[in-house]
């Protein structure tokens, strides 16, 4: 069974988040946070402030994204790291809030490459 989520993480937290995704999801998690996002109206080439993904995740993994204690235990990281990571993430179910609505709420758009 799968749950369809939008997962956005601040740029500062993205390396740890990606590492944890790969540790928990294995091969399927590689490169998950691959969409660079910037504040709306940013000039082309502006460094990403967030990275995101939207798609299916194994339903058994959803609880890890909502509970720092569960994430800490599953990923073998300190609870404080799990709490910090989740505080720098925006996680919504696609049915409740589509990708475009999440970007609008956060004031973000996809990064444009410099010309």
Protein backbone atom coordinates (compact mmCIF):
# COMPACT_ATOMS: atom_id res chain seq x y z
CA UNK A 1 0.00 0.00 0.00
CA UNK A 2 1.21 3.49 -0.82
CA UNK A 3 0.49 6.99 0.41
CA UNK A 4 1.04 9.93 -1.92
CA UNK A 5 2.96 12.78 -0.30
CA UNK A 6 4.58 16.12 -0.98
CA UNK A 7 7.88 16.28 0.87
CA UNK A 8 9.80 19.55 1.00
CA UNK A 9 12.90 20.11 3.11
CA UNK A 10 15.01 23.22 3.69
CA UNK A 11 18.28 23.22 1.78
CA UNK A 12 20.23 23.07 5.04
CA UNK A 13 18.43 19.89 6.11
CA UNK A 14 18.36 18.22 2.68
CA UNK A 15 21.64 16.22 2.94
CA UNK A 16 20.55 14.59 6.21
CA UNK A 17 17.00 14.07 4.96
CA UNK A 18 18.22 12.42 1.75
CA UNK A 19 20.60 10.21 3.70
CA UNK A 20 17.79 9.07 6.00
CA UNK A 21 15.40 8.48 3.10
CA UNK A 22 17.97 6.22 1.46
CA UNK A 23 18.72 4.43 4.74
CA UNK A 24 15.05 3.68 5.37
CA UNK A 25 13.76 3.22 1.80
CA UNK A 26 16.85 1.70 0.21
CA UNK A 27 17.38 1.98 -3.53
CA UNK A 28 13.89 3.41 -4.04
CA UNK A 29 14.85 6.46 -1.96
CA UNK A 30 17.92 7.49 -3.96
CA UNK A 31 17.68 11.02 -5.33
CA UNK A 32 14.27 11.62 -3.80
CA UNK A 33 14.79 15.27 -2.92
CA UNK A 34 15.80 16.34 -6.41
CA UNK A 35 13.56 19.33 -7.15
CA UNK A 36 15.36 22.60 -6.28
CA UNK A 37 13.02 25.34 -5.04
CA UNK A 38 13.52 29.07 -4.52
CA UNK A 39 11.34 31.97 -3.34
CA UNK A 40 8.87 33.12 -5.99
CA UNK A 41 10.41 35.76 -8.25
CA UNK A 42 14.01 34.73 -7.62
CA UNK A 43 16.49 35.45 -10.38
CA UNK A 44 17.66 32.52 -12.50
CA UNK A 45 20.57 30.76 -10.85
CA UNK A 46 19.49 31.67 -7.32
CA UNK A 47 20.63 28.85 -5.01
CA UNK A 48 17.83 26.59 -3.87
CA UNK A 49 16.43 27.28 -0.41
CA UNK A 50 14.34 24.09 -0.34
CA UNK A 51 14.36 20.74 -2.15
CA UNK A 52 11.29 18.65 -2.71
CA UNK A 53 9.60 15.60 -4.08
CA UNK A 54 6.06 14.50 -4.69
CA UNK A 55 4.92 10.92 -5.11
CA UNK A 56 4.26 7.54 -3.60
CA UNK A 57 5.80 6.32 -0.36
CA UNK A 58 5.25 3.01 1.33
CA UNK A 59 2.42 3.56 3.80
CA UNK A 60 4.49 1.91 6.54
CA UNK A 61 7.02 4.77 6.25
CA UNK A 62 4.51 7.60 6.68
CA UNK A 63 4.57 7.35 10.48
CA UNK A 64 8.32 8.03 10.40
CA UNK A 65 7.62 11.40 8.78
CA UNK A 66 5.14 12.41 11.46
CA UNK A 67 6.82 11.15 14.63
CA UNK A 68 10.34 12.19 15.59
CA UNK A 69 10.67 9.32 18.08
CA UNK A 70 9.77 6.74 15.42
CA UNK A 71 12.14 8.37 12.93
CA UNK A 72 14.92 8.43 15.50
CA UNK A 73 14.54 4.74 16.24
CA UNK A 74 14.16 3.61 12.62
CA UNK A 75 17.12 5.66 11.37
CA UNK A 76 19.31 5.19 14.46
CA UNK A 77 19.80 8.92 14.96
CA UNK A 78 19.47 11.09 18.05
CA UNK A 79 15.95 12.23 18.86
CA UNK A 80 17.14 15.85 18.69
CA UNK A 81 18.32 15.30 15.08
CA UNK A 82 14.97 13.77 14.13
CA UNK A 83 13.09 16.66 15.75
CA UNK A 84 15.27 19.22 13.98
CA UNK A 85 14.83 17.49 10.64
CA UNK A 86 11.05 17.30 10.93
CA UNK A 87 10.92 20.95 12.01
CA UNK A 88 12.64 21.84 8.70
CA UNK A 89 10.29 19.79 6.55
CA UNK A 90 6.85 20.37 5.10
CA UNK A 91 5.02 17.09 4.58
CA UNK A 92 1.48 16.91 3.21
CA UNK A 93 -0.68 14.27 1.59
CA UNK A 94 -1.25 15.07 -2.07
CA UNK A 95 -5.01 14.50 -1.73
CA UNK A 96 -5.18 17.14 1.01
CA UNK A 97 -2.89 19.68 -0.67
CA UNK A 98 -1.57 19.33 -4.22
CA UNK A 99 2.05 20.19 -5.05
CA UNK A 100 1.17 23.57 -6.60
CA UNK A 101 -0.80 24.58 -3.50
CA UNK A 102 2.12 23.66 -1.23
CA UNK A 103 4.50 25.76 -3.31
CA UNK A 104 2.07 28.68 -3.25
CA UNK A 105 1.59 28.41 0.54
CA UNK A 106 5.36 28.39 1.10
CA UNK A 107 6.02 31.10 -1.49
CA UNK A 108 8.24 28.83 -3.58
CA UNK A 109 8.77 27.95 -7.24
CA UNK A 110 11.08 25.63 -9.11
CA UNK A 111 14.60 27.00 -9.48
CA UNK A 112 15.43 28.37 -12.92
CA UNK A 113 18.91 27.75 -14.29
CA UNK A 114 21.08 30.77 -15.02
CA UNK A 115 21.31 31.65 -18.70
